[in-house]
């Protein structure tokens, strides 16, 4: 049962993070409203950048909660995993803008750790996992994300190979 919980949580986190990319590819520029509405932070840089959209957040919530239901979890679990993953992604984007990195630029580990650690950490007890499992899950997510991104770029799904 523990292996199943680990795999399901990993799958839900992967889907939560992939959903905005899926939505962008299916919808192009439709409903692509920037979360920060183009506002700048006190450093003069965008708060999050144009690649962080409400469409992506909603897609993550809808797709992750649907998958959660299919896996036997409540809709609330899927919503929470999506919100935590997207929160981690937004934290990464905020930090990247402070470092003056452009939207969608590569920042290994900063791009993967918050968006996988936050949902894994806050959901670990619900999935019957301990901290060792969470660290393993984050490591597997990092390896998966860095590997699959190259293929997604080659297939035209991602804009960049990372």
N, C-alpha and C. Protein backbone atom coordinates (compact mmCIF):
# COMPACT_ATOMS: atom_id res chain seq x y z
N UNK A 1 0.83 -1.20 0.00
CA UNK A 1 0.00 0.00 0.00
C UNK A 1 0.86 1.26 0.00
N UNK A 2 1.97 1.24 0.71
CA UNK A 2 2.86 2.40 0.79
C UNK A 2 3.40 2.75 -0.59
N UNK A 3 3.79 1.73 -1.37
CA UNK A 3 4.30 1.99 -2.71
C UNK A 3 3.23 2.65 -3.57
N UNK A 4 2.01 2.18 -3.46
CA UNK A 4 0.91 2.75 -4.23
C UNK A 4 0.69 4.21 -3.83
N UNK A 5 0.69 4.51 -2.54
CA UNK A 5 0.51 5.88 -2.08
C UNK A 5 1.62 6.79 -2.60
N UNK A 6 2.84 6.30 -2.56
CA UNK A 6 3.99 7.07 -3.05
C UNK A 6 3.81 7.38 -4.53
N UNK A 7 3.47 6.37 -5.31
CA UNK A 7 3.32 6.53 -6.75
C UNK A 7 2.13 7.46 -7.07
N UNK A 8 1.03 7.30 -6.35
CA UNK A 8 -0.14 8.17 -6.59
C UNK A 8 0.17 9.62 -6.27
N UNK A 9 0.84 9.86 -5.15
CA UNK A 9 1.17 11.24 -4.80
C UNK A 9 2.14 11.82 -5.83
N UNK A 10 3.13 11.06 -6.23
CA UNK A 10 4.06 11.52 -7.26
C UNK A 10 3.31 11.83 -8.55
N UNK A 11 2.42 10.95 -8.95
CA UNK A 11 1.65 11.15 -10.18
C UNK A 11 0.79 12.41 -10.08
N UNK A 12 0.14 12.62 -8.96
CA UNK A 12 -0.69 13.80 -8.78
C UNK A 12 0.15 15.09 -8.84
N UNK A 13 1.33 15.05 -8.27
CA UNK A 13 2.22 16.22 -8.31
C UNK A 13 2.71 16.47 -9.73
N UNK A 14 3.05 15.42 -10.44
CA UNK A 14 3.47 15.58 -11.85
C UNK A 14 2.34 16.19 -12.66
N UNK A 15 1.14 15.67 -12.50
CA UNK A 15 -0.02 16.18 -13.25
C UNK A 15 -0.32 17.63 -12.87
N UNK A 16 -0.24 17.94 -11.59
CA UNK A 16 -0.49 19.32 -11.14
C UNK A 16 0.46 20.29 -11.84
N UNK A 17 1.70 19.89 -12.00
CA UNK A 17 2.69 20.76 -12.62
C UNK A 17 2.65 20.75 -14.14
N UNK A 18 2.15 19.67 -14.72
CA UNK A 18 2.05 19.58 -16.18
C UNK A 18 0.79 20.23 -16.72
N UNK A 19 -0.23 20.35 -15.92
CA UNK A 19 -1.52 20.86 -16.38
C UNK A 19 -1.45 22.25 -17.03
N UNK A 20 -0.71 23.20 -16.46
CA UNK A 20 -0.63 24.51 -17.13
C UNK A 20 -0.02 24.42 -18.53
N UNK A 21 0.93 23.53 -18.72
CA UNK A 21 1.56 23.35 -20.04
C UNK A 21 0.54 22.75 -21.01
N UNK A 22 -0.20 21.77 -20.53
CA UNK A 22 -1.25 21.15 -21.35
C UNK A 22 -2.27 22.21 -21.76
N UNK A 23 -2.71 23.01 -20.81
CA UNK A 23 -3.71 24.05 -21.10
C UNK A 23 -3.16 25.06 -22.11
N UNK A 24 -1.91 25.46 -21.96
CA UNK A 24 -1.31 26.42 -22.90
C UNK A 24 -1.28 25.84 -24.31
N UNK A 25 -0.94 24.57 -24.43
CA UNK A 25 -0.88 23.96 -25.75
C UNK A 25 -2.26 23.76 -26.36
N UNK A 26 -3.25 23.47 -25.56
CA UNK A 26 -4.61 23.27 -26.08
C UNK A 26 -5.33 24.58 -26.38
N UNK A 27 -5.07 25.59 -25.56
CA UNK A 27 -5.85 26.83 -25.66
C UNK A 27 -5.09 27.99 -26.28
N UNK A 28 -3.81 27.82 -26.58
CA UNK A 28 -2.97 28.90 -27.14
C UNK A 28 -3.04 30.11 -26.22
N UNK A 29 -3.50 31.24 -26.73
CA UNK A 29 -3.54 32.46 -25.92
C UNK A 29 -4.90 32.72 -25.27
N UNK A 30 -5.84 31.83 -25.46
CA UNK A 30 -7.16 32.01 -24.85
C UNK A 30 -7.06 31.95 -23.33
N UNK A 31 -7.72 32.88 -22.69
CA UNK A 31 -7.80 32.94 -21.23
C UNK A 31 -6.44 32.98 -20.55
N UNK A 32 -5.48 33.58 -21.21
CA UNK A 32 -4.11 33.64 -20.69
C UNK A 32 -3.89 34.93 -19.91
N UNK A 33 -4.54 35.06 -18.77
CA UNK A 33 -4.44 36.26 -17.96
C UNK A 33 -3.34 36.08 -16.92
N UNK A 34 -2.37 36.96 -16.98
CA UNK A 34 -1.23 36.92 -16.06
C UNK A 34 -1.71 37.12 -14.62
N UNK A 35 -1.19 36.33 -13.71
CA UNK A 35 -1.57 36.44 -12.30
C UNK A 35 -1.17 37.79 -11.73
N UNK A 36 0.00 38.28 -12.11
CA UNK A 36 0.47 39.56 -11.55
C UNK A 36 -0.04 40.77 -12.33
N UNK A 37 -0.83 40.52 -13.38
CA UNK A 37 -1.42 41.59 -14.20
C UNK A 37 -0.37 42.58 -14.71
N UNK A 38 0.86 42.10 -14.90
CA UNK A 38 1.93 42.95 -15.42
C UNK A 38 2.53 43.90 -14.40
N UNK A 39 2.14 43.77 -13.15
CA UNK A 39 2.66 44.68 -12.12
C UNK A 39 4.12 44.35 -11.79
N UNK A 40 4.81 45.36 -11.35
CA UNK A 40 6.22 45.23 -10.98
C UNK A 40 6.36 45.23 -9.47
N UNK A 41 7.42 44.57 -8.99
CA UNK A 41 7.75 44.56 -7.57
C UNK A 41 8.58 45.80 -7.26
N UNK A 42 8.95 46.03 -6.02
CA UNK A 42 9.72 47.23 -5.65
C UNK A 42 11.10 47.28 -6.31
N UNK A 43 11.57 46.14 -6.82
CA UNK A 43 12.86 46.11 -7.50
C UNK A 43 12.74 46.45 -8.99
N UNK A 44 11.53 46.76 -9.44
CA UNK A 44 11.31 47.12 -10.83
C UNK A 44 11.11 45.93 -11.76
N UNK A 45 11.25 44.73 -11.24
CA UNK A 45 11.06 43.51 -12.03
C UNK A 45 9.61 43.04 -11.89
N UNK A 46 9.12 42.27 -12.88
CA UNK A 46 7.77 41.71 -12.73
C UNK A 46 7.66 40.90 -11.44
N UNK A 47 6.48 40.89 -10.86
CA UNK A 47 6.28 40.11 -9.63
C UNK A 47 6.47 38.63 -9.93
N UNK A 48 5.78 38.13 -10.96
CA UNK A 48 5.89 36.71 -11.34
C UNK A 48 6.30 36.54 -12.80
N UNK A 49 5.78 37.38 -13.67
CA UNK A 49 6.07 37.26 -15.09
C UNK A 49 4.85 36.79 -15.86
N UNK A 50 4.92 36.93 -17.16
CA UNK A 50 3.78 36.65 -18.04
C UNK A 50 3.44 35.17 -18.17
N UNK A 51 4.37 34.29 -17.84
CA UNK A 51 4.10 32.86 -18.02
C UNK A 51 3.27 32.25 -16.89
N UNK A 52 3.00 33.00 -15.86
CA UNK A 52 2.19 32.51 -14.74
C UNK A 52 0.78 33.07 -14.90
N UNK A 53 -0.15 32.18 -15.26
CA UNK A 53 -1.50 32.63 -15.59
C UNK A 53 -2.57 31.98 -14.72
N UNK A 54 -3.72 32.67 -14.67
CA UNK A 54 -4.87 32.11 -13.97
C UNK A 54 -5.35 30.84 -14.67
N UNK A 55 -5.22 30.80 -15.99
CA UNK A 55 -5.60 29.61 -16.75
C UNK A 55 -4.79 28.41 -16.28
N UNK A 56 -3.49 28.60 -16.04
CA UNK A 56 -2.63 27.52 -15.57
C UNK A 56 -3.04 27.02 -14.19
N UNK A 57 -3.36 27.94 -13.30
CA UNK A 57 -3.81 27.57 -11.95
C UNK A 57 -5.11 26.77 -12.04
N UNK A 58 -6.07 27.29 -12.80
CA UNK A 58 -7.36 26.59 -12.93
C UNK A 58 -7.20 25.23 -13.59
N UNK A 59 -6.36 25.15 -14.62
CA UNK A 59 -6.12 23.85 -15.28
C UNK A 59 -5.53 22.86 -14.29
N UNK A 60 -4.59 23.31 -13.49
CA UNK A 60 -3.97 22.43 -12.50
C UNK A 60 -5.01 21.91 -11.50
N UNK A 61 -5.85 22.81 -11.03
CA UNK A 61 -6.89 22.40 -10.06
C UNK A 61 -7.86 21.41 -10.70
N UNK A 62 -8.36 21.72 -11.89
CA UNK A 62 -9.35 20.86 -12.54
C UNK A 62 -8.78 19.48 -12.88
N UNK A 63 -7.62 19.46 -13.49
CA UNK A 63 -7.05 18.18 -13.95
C UNK A 63 -6.57 17.34 -12.77
N UNK A 64 -5.91 17.97 -11.80
CA UNK A 64 -5.41 17.22 -10.64
C UNK A 64 -6.54 16.69 -9.78
N UNK A 65 -7.57 17.48 -9.58
CA UNK A 65 -8.70 17.00 -8.76
C UNK A 65 -9.45 15.88 -9.48
N UNK A 66 -9.54 15.97 -10.80
CA UNK A 66 -10.18 14.89 -11.56
C UNK A 66 -9.37 13.60 -11.45
N UNK A 67 -8.06 13.70 -11.62
CA UNK A 67 -7.22 12.51 -11.46
C UNK A 67 -7.31 11.97 -10.04
N UNK A 68 -7.33 12.86 -9.06
CA UNK A 68 -7.47 12.43 -7.67
C UNK A 68 -8.73 11.61 -7.46
N UNK A 69 -9.84 12.08 -8.04
CA UNK A 69 -11.10 11.33 -7.95
C UNK A 69 -10.96 9.95 -8.59
N UNK A 70 -10.33 9.91 -9.77
CA UNK A 70 -10.14 8.63 -10.46
C UNK A 70 -9.27 7.66 -9.65
N UNK A 71 -8.36 8.20 -8.85
CA UNK A 71 -7.48 7.36 -8.02
C UNK A 71 -8.11 7.02 -6.67
N UNK A 72 -9.31 7.55 -6.42
CA UNK A 72 -10.02 7.21 -5.18
C UNK A 72 -9.87 8.23 -4.06
N UNK A 73 -9.38 9.41 -4.35
CA UNK A 73 -9.22 10.45 -3.34
C UNK A 73 -10.35 11.47 -3.49
N UNK A 74 -10.54 12.27 -2.47
CA UNK A 74 -11.58 13.30 -2.54
C UNK A 74 -11.13 14.42 -3.47
N UNK A 75 -12.11 15.17 -3.92
CA UNK A 75 -11.79 16.31 -4.78
C UNK A 75 -10.93 17.33 -4.03
N UNK A 76 -11.13 17.43 -2.71
CA UNK A 76 -10.36 18.36 -1.90
C UNK A 76 -8.87 18.01 -1.91
N UNK A 77 -8.56 16.73 -1.91
CA UNK A 77 -7.15 16.31 -1.95
C UNK A 77 -6.51 16.76 -3.26
N UNK A 78 -7.19 16.55 -4.37
CA UNK A 78 -6.67 16.99 -5.66
C UNK A 78 -6.49 18.49 -5.73
N UNK A 79 -7.47 19.22 -5.23
CA UNK A 79 -7.40 20.68 -5.23
C UNK A 79 -6.22 21.14 -4.38
N UNK A 80 -6.06 20.55 -3.21
CA UNK A 80 -4.98 20.94 -2.31
C UNK A 80 -3.61 20.65 -2.92
N UNK A 81 -3.45 19.50 -3.53
CA UNK A 81 -2.18 19.16 -4.17
C UNK A 81 -1.88 20.16 -5.29
N UNK A 82 -2.89 20.47 -6.09
CA UNK A 82 -2.70 21.44 -7.18
C UNK A 82 -2.31 22.81 -6.63
N UNK A 83 -3.03 23.28 -5.62
CA UNK A 83 -2.73 24.60 -5.05
C UNK A 83 -1.34 24.65 -4.43
N UNK A 84 -0.94 23.58 -3.76
CA UNK A 84 0.40 23.55 -3.17
C UNK A 84 1.49 23.50 -4.24
N UNK A 85 1.27 22.70 -5.28
CA UNK A 85 2.24 22.64 -6.38
C UNK A 85 2.35 23.99 -7.08
N UNK A 86 1.21 24.62 -7.35
CA UNK A 86 1.23 25.92 -8.02
C UNK A 86 1.82 27.00 -7.11
N UNK A 87 1.60 26.89 -5.81
CA UNK A 87 2.22 27.83 -4.87
C UNK A 87 3.74 27.71 -4.93
N UNK A 88 4.22 26.48 -4.96
CA UNK A 88 5.67 26.26 -5.08
C UNK A 88 6.20 26.83 -6.38
N UNK A 89 5.45 26.64 -7.46
CA UNK A 89 5.85 27.18 -8.76
C UNK A 89 5.88 28.71 -8.74
N UNK A 90 4.90 29.32 -8.10
CA UNK A 90 4.87 30.78 -8.01
C UNK A 90 6.00 31.32 -7.14
N UNK A 91 6.33 30.61 -6.08
CA UNK A 91 7.48 31.00 -5.24
C UNK A 91 8.75 30.98 -6.07
N UNK A 92 8.92 29.92 -6.85
CA UNK A 92 10.11 29.82 -7.73
C UNK A 92 10.15 30.99 -8.70
N UNK A 93 9.02 31.31 -9.32
CA UNK A 93 8.97 32.41 -10.28
C UNK A 93 9.28 33.74 -9.61
N UNK A 94 8.75 33.95 -8.42
CA UNK A 94 9.03 35.18 -7.69
C UNK A 94 10.53 35.32 -7.43
N UNK A 95 11.16 34.24 -6.98
CA UNK A 95 12.60 34.27 -6.71
C UNK A 95 13.38 34.49 -8.01
N UNK A 96 12.99 33.81 -9.08
CA UNK A 96 13.67 33.98 -10.37
C UNK A 96 13.58 35.41 -10.87
N UNK A 97 12.45 36.08 -10.67
CA UNK A 97 12.34 37.48 -11.08
C UNK A 97 13.26 38.36 -10.23
N UNK A 98 13.42 38.04 -8.94
CA UNK A 98 14.32 38.81 -8.10
C UNK A 98 15.77 38.63 -8.56
N UNK A 99 16.07 37.44 -9.11
CA UNK A 99 17.41 37.16 -9.65
C UNK A 99 17.56 37.69 -11.08
N UNK A 100 16.50 38.36 -11.56
CA UNK A 100 16.47 38.95 -12.91
C UNK A 100 16.56 37.91 -14.02
N UNK A 101 16.06 36.70 -13.73
CA UNK A 101 15.97 35.66 -14.76
C UNK A 101 14.66 35.85 -15.51
N UNK A 102 14.66 35.74 -16.82
CA UNK A 102 13.42 35.94 -17.58
C UNK A 102 12.42 34.80 -17.35
N UNK A 103 11.11 35.06 -17.62
CA UNK A 103 10.11 34.00 -17.50
C UNK A 103 10.50 32.79 -18.33
N UNK A 104 10.23 31.61 -17.79
CA UNK A 104 10.52 30.32 -18.42
C UNK A 104 12.01 30.02 -18.53
N UNK A 105 12.86 30.80 -17.85
CA UNK A 105 14.29 30.49 -17.87
C UNK A 105 14.56 29.30 -16.95
N UNK A 106 15.68 28.66 -17.17
CA UNK A 106 16.02 27.46 -16.41
C UNK A 106 16.75 27.83 -15.11
N UNK A 107 16.29 27.24 -14.03
CA UNK A 107 16.93 27.37 -12.73
C UNK A 107 16.83 26.00 -12.07
N UNK A 108 17.76 25.08 -12.42
CA UNK A 108 17.68 23.72 -11.88
C UNK A 108 17.54 23.72 -10.36
N UNK A 109 16.74 22.84 -9.88
CA UNK A 109 16.37 22.63 -8.48
C UNK A 109 15.39 23.70 -8.00
N UNK A 110 15.65 24.97 -8.26
CA UNK A 110 14.68 26.01 -7.89
C UNK A 110 13.37 25.79 -8.65
N UNK A 111 13.46 25.29 -9.86
CA UNK A 111 12.25 25.02 -10.65
C UNK A 111 11.52 23.77 -10.19
N UNK A 112 12.19 22.84 -9.54
CA UNK A 112 11.57 21.57 -9.19
C UNK A 112 11.25 21.39 -7.70
N UNK A 113 12.12 21.88 -6.84
CA UNK A 113 11.95 21.57 -5.41
C UNK A 113 10.68 22.17 -4.81
N UNK A 114 10.45 23.48 -4.92
CA UNK A 114 9.23 24.00 -4.25
C UNK A 114 7.94 23.39 -4.78
N UNK A 115 7.84 23.16 -6.09
CA UNK A 115 6.59 22.67 -6.67
C UNK A 115 6.36 21.19 -6.38
N UNK A 116 7.38 20.48 -5.93
CA UNK A 116 7.18 19.08 -5.54
C UNK A 116 7.21 18.92 -4.02
N UNK A 117 8.07 19.67 -3.35
CA UNK A 117 8.20 19.52 -1.90
C UNK A 117 6.95 20.00 -1.15
N UNK A 118 6.42 21.16 -1.52
CA UNK A 118 5.26 21.68 -0.79
C UNK A 118 4.08 20.70 -0.78
N UNK A 119 3.63 20.21 -1.94
CA UNK A 119 2.51 19.27 -1.86
C UNK A 119 2.89 17.95 -1.19
N UNK A 120 4.10 17.48 -1.43
CA UNK A 120 4.51 16.21 -0.81
C UNK A 120 4.57 16.34 0.71
N UNK A 121 5.16 17.42 1.20
CA UNK A 121 5.31 17.62 2.64
C UNK A 121 3.95 17.77 3.33
N UNK A 122 3.09 18.60 2.76
CA UNK A 122 1.81 18.86 3.42
C UNK A 122 0.82 17.71 3.27
N UNK A 123 1.06 16.81 2.33
CA UNK A 123 0.15 15.68 2.12
C UNK A 123 0.73 14.35 2.62
N UNK A 124 1.93 14.36 3.18
CA UNK A 124 2.61 13.11 3.50
C UNK A 124 1.82 12.24 4.48
N UNK A 125 1.20 12.83 5.47
CA UNK A 125 0.46 12.02 6.44
C UNK A 125 -0.81 11.43 5.83
N UNK A 126 -1.44 12.19 4.96
CA UNK A 126 -2.64 11.67 4.29
C UNK A 126 -2.29 10.45 3.42
N UNK A 127 -1.09 10.45 2.85
CA UNK A 127 -0.65 9.36 1.97
C UNK A 127 0.17 8.31 2.73
N UNK A 128 0.31 8.48 4.05
CA UNK A 128 1.02 7.51 4.86
C UNK A 128 2.52 7.48 4.62
N UNK A 129 3.10 8.63 4.30
CA UNK A 129 4.53 8.70 4.01
C UNK A 129 5.26 9.42 5.13
N UNK A 130 6.56 9.18 5.22
CA UNK A 130 7.39 9.89 6.19
C UNK A 130 8.37 10.80 5.44
N UNK A 131 9.20 11.49 6.18
CA UNK A 131 10.10 12.48 5.58
C UNK A 131 11.09 11.83 4.60
N UNK A 132 11.52 10.63 4.89
CA UNK A 132 12.42 9.94 3.96
C UNK A 132 11.74 9.70 2.61
N UNK A 133 10.48 9.31 2.66
CA UNK A 133 9.72 9.11 1.42
C UNK A 133 9.55 10.43 0.66
N UNK A 134 9.32 11.50 1.41
CA UNK A 134 9.13 12.81 0.78
C UNK A 134 10.40 13.24 0.06
N UNK A 135 11.54 13.06 0.70
CA UNK A 135 12.82 13.42 0.06
C UNK A 135 13.06 12.55 -1.17
N UNK A 136 12.68 11.28 -1.08
CA UNK A 136 12.81 10.40 -2.24
C UNK A 136 11.86 10.83 -3.35
N UNK A 137 10.64 11.19 -2.99
CA UNK A 137 9.66 11.63 -3.97
C UNK A 137 10.16 12.89 -4.69
N UNK A 138 10.67 13.84 -3.94
CA UNK A 138 11.19 15.07 -4.54
C UNK A 138 12.36 14.75 -5.47
N UNK A 139 13.23 13.84 -5.07
CA UNK A 139 14.36 13.43 -5.92
C UNK A 139 13.89 12.78 -7.21
N UNK A 140 12.90 11.92 -7.11
CA UNK A 140 12.35 11.26 -8.30
C UNK A 140 11.69 12.31 -9.20
N UNK A 141 10.97 13.25 -8.60
CA UNK A 141 10.33 14.31 -9.38
C UNK A 141 11.37 15.13 -10.14
N UNK A 142 12.45 15.49 -9.48
CA UNK A 142 13.52 16.28 -10.11
C UNK A 142 14.08 15.51 -11.31
N UNK A 143 14.42 14.25 -11.09
CA UNK A 143 14.98 13.44 -12.18
C UNK A 143 13.99 13.30 -13.33
N UNK A 144 12.73 13.04 -13.00
CA UNK A 144 11.69 12.91 -14.02
C UNK A 144 11.53 14.21 -14.80
N UNK A 145 11.38 15.30 -14.09
CA UNK A 145 11.16 16.61 -14.72
C UNK A 145 12.31 16.99 -15.65
N UNK A 146 13.54 16.82 -15.19
CA UNK A 146 14.69 17.19 -16.01
C UNK A 146 14.83 16.28 -17.23
N UNK A 147 14.43 15.03 -17.11
CA UNK A 147 14.52 14.08 -18.22
C UNK A 147 13.39 14.30 -19.22
N UNK A 148 12.17 14.36 -18.74
CA UNK A 148 11.01 14.45 -19.64
C UNK A 148 10.94 15.78 -20.36
N UNK A 149 11.47 16.83 -19.76
CA UNK A 149 11.41 18.15 -20.39
C UNK A 149 12.09 18.17 -21.75
N UNK A 150 13.18 17.46 -21.89
CA UNK A 150 13.90 17.41 -23.18
C UNK A 150 13.03 16.76 -24.25
N UNK A 151 12.34 15.70 -23.88
CA UNK A 151 11.45 15.03 -24.83
C UNK A 151 10.25 15.91 -25.18
N UNK A 152 9.69 16.55 -24.18
CA UNK A 152 8.54 17.42 -24.43
C UNK A 152 8.91 18.57 -25.36
N UNK A 153 10.13 19.07 -25.25
CA UNK A 153 10.61 20.11 -26.16
C UNK A 153 10.73 19.55 -27.58
N UNK A 154 11.30 18.37 -27.70
CA UNK A 154 11.46 17.75 -29.02
C UNK A 154 10.10 17.49 -29.68
N UNK A 155 9.10 17.18 -28.90
CA UNK A 155 7.76 16.90 -29.41
C UNK A 155 6.94 18.17 -29.62
N UNK A 156 7.53 19.35 -29.29
CA UNK A 156 6.86 20.60 -29.50
C UNK A 156 5.86 20.97 -28.40
N UNK A 157 5.90 20.28 -27.28
CA UNK A 157 4.97 20.54 -26.18
C UNK A 157 5.51 21.66 -25.28
N UNK A 158 6.81 21.65 -25.03
CA UNK A 158 7.44 22.70 -24.23
C UNK A 158 8.12 23.70 -25.14
N UNK A 159 8.21 24.95 -24.69
CA UNK A 159 8.86 26.00 -25.46
C UNK A 159 10.38 25.90 -25.41
N UNK A 160 10.89 25.35 -24.31
CA UNK A 160 12.34 25.23 -24.12
C UNK A 160 12.67 23.81 -23.67
N UNK A 161 13.92 23.36 -23.88
CA UNK A 161 14.25 21.96 -23.54
C UNK A 161 14.50 21.73 -22.04
N UNK A 162 13.96 22.56 -21.18
CA UNK A 162 14.12 22.37 -19.74
C UNK A 162 12.86 22.76 -19.01
